[in-house]
Amino acid sequence: MERKRVRVDFFHDVVCSWCYVLSPRLRILTEELNLDVYHHSFALSATEVHMVQVFGSKANAKKVILGHWQECVKVEDRKRINVEGMRQQSFDYPFSMPGLLGCKAAEKQAGQQGHWDYFDAVQGTHLTDNRNIGDSEVLVDLAHELGLDRARFKLDLNSSALREEVEQDRLLAKDYGINGVPCLVINQGWVISGAQPLDTLRHQLQQIHLGINAEHFA
């Protein structure tokens, strides 16, 4: 009898450097294990006001977050994170919502795979190319580069319905007890937090494939 596909709900944020580390690993395992991946927004800094509340100032937010980038550089499988490049940029460090809405707008046109492709692309634009993903024109241009309809994307990007979808993702994360990203929920029951090494994540998912009790992963 053919085993059921393993469902993976991937909670992430476009400004999360650890998500940038995890996403290519999950792509590898999706091909290996035939995973069924669903994408969900998790806004670490939903607004500029929230960012200042958390970090004290926009300048301090950038300083602290780039410290996280430096930690990610140590463990990423392929060197892509450009800490110094972002440090030299003069624009304010972007908050989460514009990029998350971009991911949702991409999903409207191209489904879950479109969401993932746009998410990876906007993260690359942010963490490698060091462009301002808080700029809506950057987000629209990126969608066009991925083959999405520019006019429709721009319209969806400003839709209140997409903001509601981001809010629904926040509530779903709360139901699972998620308070940070990246985070994977496996078969709507087991939670795997953090940017797990490829081999570790492969072992965990293989055990679930085999029907072994994975409760200790949570």
N, C-alpha and C. Protein backbone atom coordinates (compact mmCIF):
# COMPACT_ATOMS: atom_id res chain seq x y z
N MET A 1 0.84 -1.19 0.00
CA MET A 1 0.00 0.00 0.00
C MET A 1 0.88 1.25 0.00
N GLU A 2 0.55 2.21 -0.85
CA GLU A 2 1.33 3.44 -0.93
C GLU A 2 1.10 4.30 0.31
N ARG A 3 2.21 4.78 0.91
CA ARG A 3 2.08 5.63 2.09
C ARG A 3 1.52 6.99 1.71
N LYS A 4 0.79 7.58 2.63
CA LYS A 4 0.28 8.92 2.42
C LYS A 4 1.45 9.90 2.40
N ARG A 5 1.29 10.96 1.60
CA ARG A 5 2.30 12.00 1.58
C ARG A 5 2.34 12.70 2.93
N VAL A 6 3.53 13.11 3.33
CA VAL A 6 3.68 13.85 4.57
C VAL A 6 3.37 15.32 4.31
N ARG A 7 2.46 15.87 5.08
CA ARG A 7 2.11 17.29 4.98
C ARG A 7 3.07 18.10 5.85
N VAL A 8 3.60 19.17 5.28
CA VAL A 8 4.48 20.07 6.02
C VAL A 8 3.92 21.48 5.91
N ASP A 9 3.59 22.08 7.04
CA ASP A 9 3.18 23.48 7.07
C ASP A 9 4.39 24.30 7.50
N PHE A 10 4.87 25.14 6.59
CA PHE A 10 6.10 25.91 6.77
C PHE A 10 5.74 27.34 7.14
N PHE A 11 6.03 27.71 8.39
CA PHE A 11 5.79 29.07 8.88
C PHE A 11 7.10 29.86 8.74
N HIS A 12 7.03 31.03 8.11
CA HIS A 12 8.26 31.76 7.84
C HIS A 12 8.00 33.26 7.68
N ASP A 13 9.08 34.02 7.68
CA ASP A 13 9.02 35.46 7.47
C ASP A 13 10.09 35.84 6.46
N VAL A 14 9.77 36.78 5.59
CA VAL A 14 10.72 37.20 4.55
C VAL A 14 11.98 37.83 5.13
N VAL A 15 11.91 38.40 6.32
CA VAL A 15 13.09 39.04 6.91
C VAL A 15 13.84 38.11 7.86
N CYS A 16 13.48 36.85 7.89
CA CYS A 16 14.09 35.88 8.81
C CYS A 16 15.27 35.19 8.15
N SER A 17 16.48 35.47 8.63
CA SER A 17 17.67 34.87 8.03
C SER A 17 17.73 33.37 8.27
N TRP A 18 17.19 32.88 9.37
CA TRP A 18 17.18 31.44 9.63
C TRP A 18 16.25 30.73 8.65
N CYS A 19 15.18 31.41 8.22
CA CYS A 19 14.30 30.86 7.19
C CYS A 19 15.04 30.70 5.87
N TYR A 20 15.94 31.64 5.60
CA TYR A 20 16.75 31.60 4.38
C TYR A 20 17.68 30.38 4.39
N VAL A 21 18.12 30.01 5.57
CA VAL A 21 18.96 28.82 5.72
C VAL A 21 18.13 27.55 5.53
N LEU A 22 16.93 27.52 6.09
CA LEU A 22 16.13 26.30 6.09
C LEU A 22 15.46 26.01 4.75
N SER A 23 14.99 27.03 4.06
CA SER A 23 14.17 26.80 2.87
C SER A 23 14.83 25.91 1.83
N PRO A 24 16.11 26.11 1.45
CA PRO A 24 16.70 25.21 0.46
C PRO A 24 16.83 23.78 0.96
N ARG A 25 17.00 23.59 2.25
CA ARG A 25 17.05 22.23 2.81
C ARG A 25 15.69 21.55 2.66
N LEU A 26 14.63 22.31 2.94
CA LEU A 26 13.30 21.75 2.81
C LEU A 26 12.98 21.44 1.34
N ARG A 27 13.48 22.24 0.43
CA ARG A 27 13.27 21.96 -0.99
C ARG A 27 13.93 20.63 -1.37
N ILE A 28 15.11 20.38 -0.89
CA ILE A 28 15.80 19.11 -1.17
C ILE A 28 14.96 17.94 -0.67
N LEU A 29 14.46 18.06 0.55
CA LEU A 29 13.70 16.96 1.14
C LEU A 29 12.32 16.82 0.52
N THR A 30 11.77 17.91 0.01
CA THR A 30 10.49 17.82 -0.69
C THR A 30 10.62 16.94 -1.92
N GLU A 31 11.74 17.05 -2.62
CA GLU A 31 12.00 16.21 -3.79
C GLU A 31 12.28 14.77 -3.37
N GLU A 32 13.07 14.58 -2.35
CA GLU A 32 13.46 13.24 -1.90
C GLU A 32 12.27 12.45 -1.35
N LEU A 33 11.45 13.13 -0.56
CA LEU A 33 10.42 12.43 0.22
C LEU A 33 9.00 12.72 -0.27
N ASN A 34 8.88 13.49 -1.34
CA ASN A 34 7.56 13.79 -1.91
C ASN A 34 6.65 14.44 -0.87
N LEU A 35 7.18 15.51 -0.26
CA LEU A 35 6.43 16.22 0.77
C LEU A 35 5.36 17.12 0.14
N ASP A 36 4.33 17.39 0.91
CA ASP A 36 3.25 18.28 0.50
C ASP A 36 3.35 19.53 1.37
N VAL A 37 3.94 20.60 0.82
CA VAL A 37 4.30 21.78 1.62
C VAL A 37 3.29 22.90 1.44
N TYR A 38 2.86 23.44 2.59
CA TYR A 38 1.97 24.60 2.63
C TYR A 38 2.69 25.74 3.34
N HIS A 39 2.49 26.95 2.86
CA HIS A 39 3.25 28.09 3.35
C HIS A 39 2.37 29.05 4.14
N HIS A 40 2.94 29.55 5.25
CA HIS A 40 2.21 30.44 6.14
C HIS A 40 3.11 31.59 6.58
N SER A 41 2.53 32.76 6.67
CA SER A 41 3.24 33.96 7.09
C SER A 41 3.35 34.01 8.61
N PHE A 42 4.47 34.53 9.07
CA PHE A 42 4.65 34.77 10.51
C PHE A 42 5.46 36.06 10.63
N ALA A 43 4.78 37.15 10.93
CA ALA A 43 5.41 38.47 10.94
C ALA A 43 6.19 38.69 12.23
N LEU A 44 7.51 38.68 12.12
CA LEU A 44 8.35 38.97 13.29
C LEU A 44 8.26 40.45 13.66
N SER A 45 8.18 41.30 12.65
CA SER A 45 7.99 42.75 12.86
C SER A 45 6.90 43.20 11.90
N ALA A 46 5.66 43.13 12.36
CA ALA A 46 4.53 43.37 11.47
C ALA A 46 4.49 44.81 10.97
N THR A 47 4.92 45.76 11.79
CA THR A 47 4.88 47.18 11.43
C THR A 47 6.16 47.85 11.89
N GLU A 48 6.40 49.06 11.38
CA GLU A 48 7.55 49.84 11.84
C GLU A 48 7.42 50.14 13.34
N VAL A 49 6.20 50.43 13.77
CA VAL A 49 5.97 50.73 15.19
C VAL A 49 6.34 49.52 16.06
N HIS A 50 5.94 48.34 15.62
CA HIS A 50 6.25 47.13 16.37
C HIS A 50 7.76 46.91 16.43
N MET A 51 8.45 47.16 15.33
CA MET A 51 9.90 47.00 15.29
C MET A 51 10.58 47.89 16.32
N VAL A 52 10.14 49.14 16.38
CA VAL A 52 10.73 50.08 17.34
C VAL A 52 10.40 49.66 18.77
N GLN A 53 9.19 49.16 18.99
CA GLN A 53 8.82 48.69 20.32
C GLN A 53 9.72 47.55 20.78
N VAL A 54 10.06 46.66 19.86
CA VAL A 54 10.88 45.49 20.20
C VAL A 54 12.35 45.86 20.38
N PHE A 55 12.87 46.68 19.46
CA PHE A 55 14.31 46.93 19.43
C PHE A 55 14.73 48.30 19.98
N GLY A 56 13.78 49.18 20.22
CA GLY A 56 14.11 50.50 20.75
C GLY A 56 14.25 51.57 19.69
N SER A 57 14.74 51.19 18.51
CA SER A 57 14.89 52.12 17.40
C SER A 57 15.11 51.32 16.13
N LYS A 58 14.91 51.95 14.97
CA LYS A 58 15.15 51.28 13.70
C LYS A 58 16.63 50.95 13.55
N ALA A 59 17.48 51.85 13.99
CA ALA A 59 18.92 51.62 13.87
C ALA A 59 19.36 50.43 14.72
N ASN A 60 18.82 50.34 15.92
CA ASN A 60 19.18 49.21 16.78
C ASN A 60 18.60 47.91 16.24
N ALA A 61 17.41 47.99 15.63
CA ALA A 61 16.83 46.79 15.01
C ALA A 61 17.77 46.23 13.96
N LYS A 62 18.29 47.10 13.12
CA LYS A 62 19.21 46.65 12.07
C LYS A 62 20.47 46.05 12.68
N LYS A 63 21.00 46.67 13.68
CA LYS A 63 22.21 46.18 14.33
C LYS A 63 22.00 44.79 14.91
N VAL A 64 20.92 44.60 15.62
CA VAL A 64 20.64 43.31 16.26
C VAL A 64 20.36 42.24 15.21
N ILE A 65 19.56 42.58 14.22
CA ILE A 65 19.18 41.60 13.20
C ILE A 65 20.39 41.17 12.39
N LEU A 66 21.29 42.10 12.08
CA LEU A 66 22.49 41.72 11.34
C LEU A 66 23.40 40.82 12.19
N GLY A 67 23.27 40.93 13.49
CA GLY A 67 23.96 39.96 14.36
C GLY A 67 23.42 38.55 14.14
N HIS A 68 22.09 38.44 13.93
CA HIS A 68 21.49 37.14 13.61
C HIS A 68 22.00 36.64 12.26
N TRP A 69 22.11 37.56 11.32
CA TRP A 69 22.64 37.18 10.00
C TRP A 69 24.03 36.55 10.14
N GLN A 70 24.85 37.16 10.96
CA GLN A 70 26.22 36.67 11.13
C GLN A 70 26.23 35.25 11.70
N GLU A 71 25.29 34.94 12.60
CA GLU A 71 25.18 33.59 13.12
C GLU A 71 24.75 32.62 12.03
N CYS A 72 23.86 33.07 11.15
CA CYS A 72 23.39 32.20 10.07
C CYS A 72 24.49 31.90 9.06
N VAL A 73 25.37 32.87 8.83
CA VAL A 73 26.48 32.66 7.91
C VAL A 73 27.31 31.44 8.32
N LYS A 74 27.42 31.22 9.62
CA LYS A 74 28.25 30.12 10.12
C LYS A 74 27.69 28.74 9.78
N VAL A 75 26.37 28.67 9.52
CA VAL A 75 25.74 27.35 9.36
C VAL A 75 25.06 27.17 8.01
N GLU A 76 25.02 28.21 7.16
CA GLU A 76 24.34 28.04 5.88
C GLU A 76 25.13 27.08 5.00
N ASP A 77 24.42 26.31 4.19
CA ASP A 77 25.06 25.28 3.37
C ASP A 77 25.79 25.87 2.17
N ARG A 78 25.29 26.98 1.67
CA ARG A 78 25.92 27.66 0.54
C ARG A 78 25.98 29.14 0.89
N LYS A 79 27.14 29.73 0.81
CA LYS A 79 27.34 31.09 1.29
C LYS A 79 26.59 32.10 0.43
N ARG A 80 25.50 32.62 0.99
CA ARG A 80 24.65 33.56 0.26
C ARG A 80 24.37 34.84 1.03
N ILE A 81 24.44 34.79 2.35
CA ILE A 81 24.05 35.93 3.18
C ILE A 81 25.14 36.99 3.16
N ASN A 82 24.76 38.20 2.77
CA ASN A 82 25.70 39.31 2.60
C ASN A 82 25.49 40.33 3.73
N VAL A 83 26.12 40.08 4.85
CA VAL A 83 25.94 40.95 6.02
C VAL A 83 26.49 42.34 5.75
N GLU A 84 27.72 42.41 5.25
CA GLU A 84 28.36 43.71 5.05
C GLU A 84 27.61 44.55 4.02
N GLY A 85 27.08 43.88 3.00
CA GLY A 85 26.32 44.61 1.99
C GLY A 85 25.11 45.30 2.58
N MET A 86 24.37 44.60 3.47
CA MET A 86 23.21 45.23 4.09
C MET A 86 23.64 46.30 5.08
N ARG A 87 24.74 46.10 5.76
CA ARG A 87 25.21 47.09 6.72
C ARG A 87 25.47 48.44 6.02
N GLN A 88 25.88 48.39 4.78
CA GLN A 88 26.23 49.62 4.05
C GLN A 88 25.02 50.32 3.44
N GLN A 89 23.85 49.66 3.44
CA GLN A 89 22.66 50.28 2.84
C GLN A 89 22.11 51.38 3.75
N SER A 90 21.61 52.45 3.14
CA SER A 90 21.14 53.60 3.90
C SER A 90 19.66 53.54 4.24
N PHE A 91 18.88 52.67 3.57
CA PHE A 91 17.44 52.63 3.86
C PHE A 91 17.18 51.93 5.20
N ASP A 92 16.03 52.27 5.80
CA ASP A 92 15.66 51.63 7.06
C ASP A 92 15.50 50.13 6.85
N TYR A 93 15.89 49.36 7.86
CA TYR A 93 15.70 47.92 7.75
C TYR A 93 14.20 47.63 7.60
N PRO A 94 13.81 46.83 6.62
CA PRO A 94 12.38 46.65 6.33
C PRO A 94 11.65 45.82 7.38
N PHE A 95 10.39 46.15 7.59
CA PHE A 95 9.55 45.32 8.45
C PHE A 95 8.89 44.24 7.60
N SER A 96 8.18 43.34 8.23
CA SER A 96 7.75 42.09 7.59
C SER A 96 6.63 42.23 6.58
N MET A 97 5.65 43.06 6.86
CA MET A 97 4.37 42.98 6.17
C MET A 97 4.42 43.14 4.65
N PRO A 98 5.16 44.11 4.09
CA PRO A 98 5.14 44.23 2.63
C PRO A 98 5.56 42.94 1.92
N GLY A 99 6.64 42.33 2.35
CA GLY A 99 7.11 41.09 1.72
C GLY A 99 6.17 39.93 1.92
N LEU A 100 5.56 39.85 3.10
CA LEU A 100 4.60 38.77 3.36
C LEU A 100 3.37 38.91 2.47
N LEU A 101 2.92 40.14 2.29
CA LEU A 101 1.79 40.36 1.37
C LEU A 101 2.18 40.01 -0.06
N GLY A 102 3.44 40.27 -0.42
CA GLY A 102 3.93 39.87 -1.73
C GLY A 102 3.86 38.37 -1.93
N CYS A 103 4.21 37.62 -0.91
CA CYS A 103 4.12 36.16 -0.98
C CYS A 103 2.68 35.71 -1.18
N LYS A 104 1.78 36.34 -0.46
CA LYS A 104 0.36 35.99 -0.60
C LYS A 104 -0.17 36.37 -1.99
N ALA A 105 0.29 37.50 -2.50
CA ALA A 105 -0.13 37.91 -3.84
C ALA A 105 0.38 36.93 -4.89
N ALA A 106 1.60 36.44 -4.71
CA ALA A 106 2.15 35.43 -5.63
C ALA A 106 1.35 34.14 -5.55
N GLU A 107 0.93 33.79 -4.34
CA GLU A 107 0.13 32.58 -4.15
C GLU A 107 -1.21 32.68 -4.89
N LYS A 108 -1.77 33.88 -4.92
CA LYS A 108 -3.04 34.07 -5.62
C LYS A 108 -2.92 33.69 -7.10
N GLN A 109 -1.77 33.97 -7.68
CA GLN A 109 -1.58 33.67 -9.10
C GLN A 109 -1.02 32.28 -9.35
N ALA A 110 -0.18 31.79 -8.46
CA ALA A 110 0.59 30.58 -8.78
C ALA A 110 0.56 29.52 -7.68
N GLY A 111 -0.38 29.63 -6.75
CA GLY A 111 -0.55 28.58 -5.74
C GLY A 111 0.60 28.48 -4.75
N GLN A 112 0.66 27.35 -4.06
CA GLN A 112 1.66 27.16 -3.03
C GLN A 112 3.09 27.22 -3.59
N GLN A 113 3.29 26.65 -4.77
CA GLN A 113 4.63 26.70 -5.36
C GLN A 113 5.02 28.13 -5.70
N GLY A 114 4.05 28.90 -6.16
CA GLY A 114 4.31 30.30 -6.45
C GLY A 114 4.67 31.07 -5.19
N HIS A 115 3.98 30.76 -4.10
CA HIS A 115 4.30 31.39 -2.82
C HIS A 115 5.75 31.09 -2.44
N TRP A 116 6.14 29.82 -2.56
CA TRP A 116 7.49 29.43 -2.17
C TRP A 116 8.53 30.07 -3.07
N ASP A 117 8.29 30.07 -4.36
CA ASP A 117 9.24 30.66 -5.29
C ASP A 117 9.42 32.15 -5.02
N TYR A 118 8.31 32.82 -4.74
CA TYR A 118 8.40 34.26 -4.46
C TYR A 118 9.08 34.49 -3.11
N PHE A 119 8.75 33.68 -2.13
CA PHE A 119 9.38 33.80 -0.82
C PHE A 119 10.90 33.68 -0.93
N ASP A 120 11.36 32.65 -1.63
CA ASP A 120 12.80 32.46 -1.80
C ASP A 120 13.42 33.63 -2.57
N ALA A 121 12.71 34.09 -3.58
CA ALA A 121 13.24 35.19 -4.39
C ALA A 121 13.32 36.49 -3.59
N VAL A 122 12.30 36.77 -2.80
CA VAL A 122 12.32 38.02 -2.02
C VAL A 122 13.36 37.93 -0.91
N GLN A 123 13.58 36.73 -0.37
CA GLN A 123 14.65 36.58 0.62
C GLN A 123 16.02 36.78 -0.02
N GLY A 124 16.19 36.25 -1.22
CA GLY A 124 17.45 36.46 -1.93
C GLY A 124 17.68 37.93 -2.23
N THR A 125 16.62 38.61 -2.62
CA THR A 125 16.70 40.04 -2.89
C THR A 125 17.11 40.81 -1.65
N HIS A 126 16.63 40.34 -0.50
CA HIS A 126 16.91 40.99 0.79
C HIS A 126 18.28 40.61 1.35
N LEU A 127 18.53 39.32 1.50
CA LEU A 127 19.71 38.87 2.23
C LEU A 127 20.97 38.73 1.38
N THR A 128 20.82 38.55 0.09
CA THR A 128 21.98 38.44 -0.79
C THR A 128 22.22 39.72 -1.58
N ASP A 129 21.16 40.22 -2.24
CA ASP A 129 21.30 41.41 -3.08
C ASP A 129 21.19 42.71 -2.28
N ASN A 130 20.64 42.62 -1.06
CA ASN A 130 20.54 43.77 -0.15
C ASN A 130 19.74 44.93 -0.73
N ARG A 131 18.65 44.60 -1.44
CA ARG A 131 17.72 45.61 -1.92
C ARG A 131 16.64 45.84 -0.86
N ASN A 132 15.90 46.90 -1.02
CA ASN A 132 14.89 47.28 -0.03
C ASN A 132 13.56 46.60 -0.33
N ILE A 133 13.27 45.50 0.37
CA ILE A 133 12.02 44.79 0.13
C ILE A 133 10.84 45.46 0.85
N GLY A 134 11.09 46.59 1.46
CA GLY A 134 9.99 47.42 1.97
C GLY A 134 9.42 48.33 0.89
N ASP A 135 10.09 48.37 -0.25
CA ASP A 135 9.68 49.19 -1.38
C ASP A 135 8.76 48.37 -2.28
N SER A 136 7.53 48.84 -2.45
CA SER A 136 6.54 48.06 -3.21
C SER A 136 6.97 47.87 -4.66
N GLU A 137 7.70 48.82 -5.23
CA GLU A 137 8.14 48.68 -6.62
C GLU A 137 9.16 47.54 -6.75
N VAL A 138 10.00 47.37 -5.76
CA VAL A 138 10.93 46.23 -5.75
C VAL A 138 10.14 44.93 -5.74
N LEU A 139 9.10 44.87 -4.92
CA LEU A 139 8.28 43.66 -4.82
C LEU A 139 7.55 43.38 -6.13
N VAL A 140 7.03 44.41 -6.75
CA VAL A 140 6.31 44.23 -8.02
C VAL A 140 7.27 43.80 -9.12
N ASP A 141 8.44 44.42 -9.19
CA ASP A 141 9.44 44.04 -10.20
C ASP A 141 9.85 42.58 -10.03
N LEU A 142 10.00 42.17 -8.79
CA LEU A 142 10.40 40.79 -8.52
C LEU A 142 9.32 39.81 -8.99
N ALA A 143 8.06 40.16 -8.77
CA ALA A 143 6.96 39.31 -9.24
C ALA A 143 7.00 39.20 -10.76
N HIS A 144 7.24 40.32 -11.43
CA HIS A 144 7.30 40.32 -12.89
C HIS A 144 8.45 39.43 -13.38
N GLU A 145 9.59 39.50 -12.70
CA GLU A 145 10.75 38.66 -13.06
C GLU A 145 10.43 37.18 -12.93
N LEU A 146 9.52 36.84 -12.04
CA LEU A 146 9.13 35.44 -11.85
C LEU A 146 8.01 35.02 -12.79
N GLY A 147 7.60 35.92 -13.66
CA GLY A 147 6.58 35.57 -14.65
C GLY A 147 5.16 35.82 -14.22
N LEU A 148 4.96 36.53 -13.11
CA LEU A 148 3.62 36.84 -12.64
C LEU A 148 3.11 38.10 -13.34
N ASP A 149 1.79 38.21 -13.41
CA ASP A 149 1.18 39.37 -14.03
C ASP A 149 1.36 40.59 -13.13
N ARG A 150 2.03 41.60 -13.66
CA ARG A 150 2.39 42.77 -12.85
C ARG A 150 1.16 43.51 -12.32
N ALA A 151 0.20 43.78 -13.20
CA ALA A 151 -0.97 44.57 -12.80
C ALA A 151 -1.79 43.83 -11.74
N ARG A 152 -2.00 42.53 -11.95
CA ARG A 152 -2.76 41.76 -10.97
C ARG A 152 -2.03 41.69 -9.65
N PHE A 153 -0.71 41.48 -9.70
CA PHE A 153 0.09 41.41 -8.47
C PHE A 153 -0.02 42.71 -7.69
N LYS A 154 0.10 43.83 -8.40
CA LYS A 154 0.04 45.13 -7.74
C LYS A 154 -1.31 45.35 -7.07
N LEU A 155 -2.37 44.93 -7.74
CA LEU A 155 -3.71 45.06 -7.18
C LEU A 155 -3.86 44.19 -5.94
N ASP A 156 -3.40 42.93 -6.03
CA ASP A 156 -3.51 42.02 -4.89
C ASP A 156 -2.66 42.48 -3.71
N LEU A 157 -1.51 43.08 -4.01
CA LEU A 157 -0.60 43.51 -2.96
C LEU A 157 -1.26 44.49 -1.99
N ASN A 158 -2.22 45.24 -2.50
CA ASN A 158 -2.90 46.25 -1.68
C ASN A 158 -4.28 45.78 -1.19
N SER A 159 -4.53 44.48 -1.30
CA SER A 159 -5.84 43.95 -0.94
C SER A 159 -5.96 43.72 0.56
N SER A 160 -7.06 44.15 1.12
CA SER A 160 -7.32 43.90 2.54
C SER A 160 -7.53 42.41 2.81
N ALA A 161 -7.96 41.67 1.79
CA ALA A 161 -8.16 40.22 1.94
C ALA A 161 -6.85 39.52 2.24
N LEU A 162 -5.76 39.99 1.64
CA LEU A 162 -4.46 39.36 1.89
C LEU A 162 -3.98 39.65 3.31
N ARG A 163 -4.26 40.83 3.80
CA ARG A 163 -3.91 41.15 5.18
C ARG A 163 -4.66 40.23 6.14
N GLU A 164 -5.89 39.91 5.79
CA GLU A 164 -6.68 38.99 6.61
C GLU A 164 -6.06 37.59 6.56
N GLU A 165 -5.53 37.19 5.42
CA GLU A 165 -4.88 35.88 5.32
C GLU A 165 -3.64 35.82 6.19
N VAL A 166 -2.87 36.90 6.22
CA VAL A 166 -1.71 36.96 7.10
C VAL A 166 -2.14 36.84 8.56
N GLU A 167 -3.23 37.50 8.91
CA GLU A 167 -3.75 37.43 10.27
C GLU A 167 -4.21 36.01 10.60
N GLN A 168 -4.85 35.34 9.64
CA GLN A 168 -5.28 33.96 9.87
C GLN A 168 -4.07 33.05 10.10
N ASP A 169 -2.99 33.30 9.39
CA ASP A 169 -1.77 32.53 9.61
C ASP A 169 -1.24 32.76 11.03
N ARG A 170 -1.32 34.00 11.50
CA ARG A 170 -0.88 34.31 12.86
C ARG A 170 -1.69 33.53 13.89
N LEU A 171 -2.98 33.47 13.67
CA LEU A 171 -3.84 32.74 14.60
C LEU A 171 -3.58 31.24 14.54
N LEU A 172 -3.31 30.72 13.34
CA LEU A 172 -2.98 29.31 13.21
C LEU A 172 -1.68 28.98 13.93
N ALA A 173 -0.69 29.86 13.79
CA ALA A 173 0.57 29.66 14.50
C ALA A 173 0.35 29.65 16.01
N LYS A 174 -0.52 30.53 16.47
CA LYS A 174 -0.84 30.59 17.90
C LYS A 174 -1.47 29.28 18.36
N ASP A 175 -2.34 28.71 17.54
CA ASP A 175 -2.98 27.44 17.88
C ASP A 175 -1.94 26.32 18.05
N TYR A 176 -0.89 26.38 17.24
CA TYR A 176 0.17 25.36 17.32
C TYR A 176 1.20 25.68 18.40
N GLY A 177 1.07 26.83 19.04
CA GLY A 177 2.04 27.22 20.07
C GLY A 177 3.33 27.75 19.49
N ILE A 178 3.30 28.21 18.25
CA ILE A 178 4.50 28.71 17.58
C ILE A 178 4.74 30.16 17.99
N ASN A 179 5.95 30.45 18.43
CA ASN A 179 6.27 31.84 18.79
C ASN A 179 7.52 32.35 18.09
N GLY A 180 7.99 31.63 17.08
CA GLY A 180 9.14 32.07 16.30
C GLY A 180 9.27 31.24 15.04
N VAL A 181 10.08 31.72 14.11
CA VAL A 181 10.28 31.02 12.85
C VAL A 181 11.78 30.95 12.54
N PRO A 182 12.15 29.97 11.68
CA PRO A 182 11.30 29.06 10.91
C PRO A 182 10.71 27.97 11.80
N CYS A 183 9.57 27.48 11.38
CA CYS A 183 8.92 26.41 12.12
C CYS A 183 8.13 25.54 11.14
N LEU A 184 8.26 24.23 11.30
CA LEU A 184 7.53 23.27 10.48
C LEU A 184 6.54 22.51 11.34
N VAL A 185 5.33 22.35 10.84
CA VAL A 185 4.35 21.51 11.49
C VAL A 185 4.11 20.31 10.57
N ILE A 186 4.37 19.12 11.10
CA ILE A 186 4.33 17.91 10.29
C ILE A 186 3.02 17.17 10.54
N ASN A 187 2.30 16.91 9.45
CA ASN A 187 1.01 16.21 9.53
C ASN A 187 0.08 16.82 10.56
N GLN A 188 0.17 18.14 10.67
CA GLN A 188 -0.71 18.92 11.55
C GLN A 188 -0.66 18.46 13.00
N GLY A 189 0.49 17.88 13.38
CA GLY A 189 0.60 17.39 14.75
C GLY A 189 1.94 17.63 15.42
N TRP A 190 3.05 17.49 14.68
CA TRP A 190 4.38 17.59 15.27
C TRP A 190 5.07 18.85 14.82
N VAL A 191 5.66 19.55 15.78
CA VAL A 191 6.29 20.83 15.50
C VAL A 191 7.81 20.68 15.54
N ILE A 192 8.46 21.13 14.48
CA ILE A 192 9.92 21.15 14.41
C ILE A 192 10.34 22.60 14.28
N SER A 193 11.05 23.10 15.28
CA SER A 193 11.42 24.51 15.32
C SER A 193 12.88 24.71 14.90
N GLY A 194 13.13 25.83 14.26
CA GLY A 194 14.50 26.21 13.94
C GLY A 194 15.00 25.66 12.62
N ALA A 195 16.16 26.15 12.21
CA ALA A 195 16.78 25.73 10.95
C ALA A 195 17.59 24.47 11.20
N GLN A 196 16.89 23.35 11.27
CA GLN A 196 17.53 22.07 11.56
C GLN A 196 18.51 21.70 10.43
N PRO A 197 19.65 21.05 10.78
CA PRO A 197 20.56 20.56 9.74
C PRO A 197 19.83 19.60 8.80
N LEU A 198 20.29 19.54 7.58
CA LEU A 198 19.63 18.73 6.56
C LEU A 198 19.48 17.28 7.00
N ASP A 199 20.54 16.67 7.49
CA ASP A 199 20.48 15.26 7.87
C ASP A 199 19.53 15.02 9.03
N THR A 200 19.51 15.95 9.97
CA THR A 200 18.60 15.83 11.12
C THR A 200 17.15 15.90 10.66
N LEU A 201 16.87 16.87 9.82
CA LEU A 201 15.51 17.03 9.33
C LEU A 201 15.09 15.85 8.47
N ARG A 202 16.00 15.35 7.66
CA ARG A 202 15.70 14.18 6.83
C ARG A 202 15.33 12.99 7.72
N HIS A 203 16.09 12.77 8.78
CA HIS A 203 15.83 11.65 9.69
C HIS A 203 14.46 11.79 10.34
N GLN A 204 14.13 12.98 10.78
CA GLN A 204 12.84 13.20 11.42
C GLN A 204 11.69 12.93 10.46
N LEU A 205 11.81 13.44 9.26
CA LEU A 205 10.73 13.26 8.28
C LEU A 205 10.64 11.82 7.80
N GLN A 206 11.76 11.14 7.69
CA GLN A 206 11.73 9.73 7.30
C GLN A 206 11.02 8.88 8.35
N GLN A 207 11.25 9.20 9.61
CA GLN A 207 10.56 8.47 10.67
C GLN A 207 9.05 8.67 10.59
N ILE A 208 8.64 9.88 10.28
CA ILE A 208 7.21 10.13 10.13
C ILE A 208 6.67 9.40 8.91
N HIS A 209 7.43 9.37 7.84
CA HIS A 209 7.05 8.60 6.66
C HIS A 209 6.80 7.14 7.02
N LEU A 210 7.63 6.62 7.90
CA LEU A 210 7.55 5.20 8.27
C LEU A 210 6.49 4.94 9.34
N GLY A 211 5.88 6.02 9.81
CA GLY A 211 4.82 5.86 10.81
C GLY A 211 5.33 5.72 12.22
N ILE A 212 6.62 6.05 12.44
CA ILE A 212 7.18 5.96 13.79
C ILE A 212 6.69 7.16 14.59
N ASN A 213 6.41 6.93 15.87
CA ASN A 213 5.95 8.01 16.73
C ASN A 213 6.98 9.12 16.79
N ALA A 214 6.61 10.30 16.35
CA ALA A 214 7.55 11.42 16.29
C ALA A 214 7.25 12.48 17.34
N GLU A 215 6.55 12.11 18.37
CA GLU A 215 6.10 13.09 19.36
C GLU A 215 7.27 13.83 19.99
N HIS A 216 8.44 13.16 20.10
CA HIS A 216 9.57 13.79 20.75
C HIS A 216 10.20 14.90 19.93
N PHE A 217 9.75 15.09 18.67
CA PHE A 217 10.28 16.17 17.86
C PHE A 217 9.71 17.52 18.29
N ALA A 218 8.54 17.48 18.90
CA ALA A 218 7.86 18.75 19.21
C ALA A 218 8.66 19.57 20.19
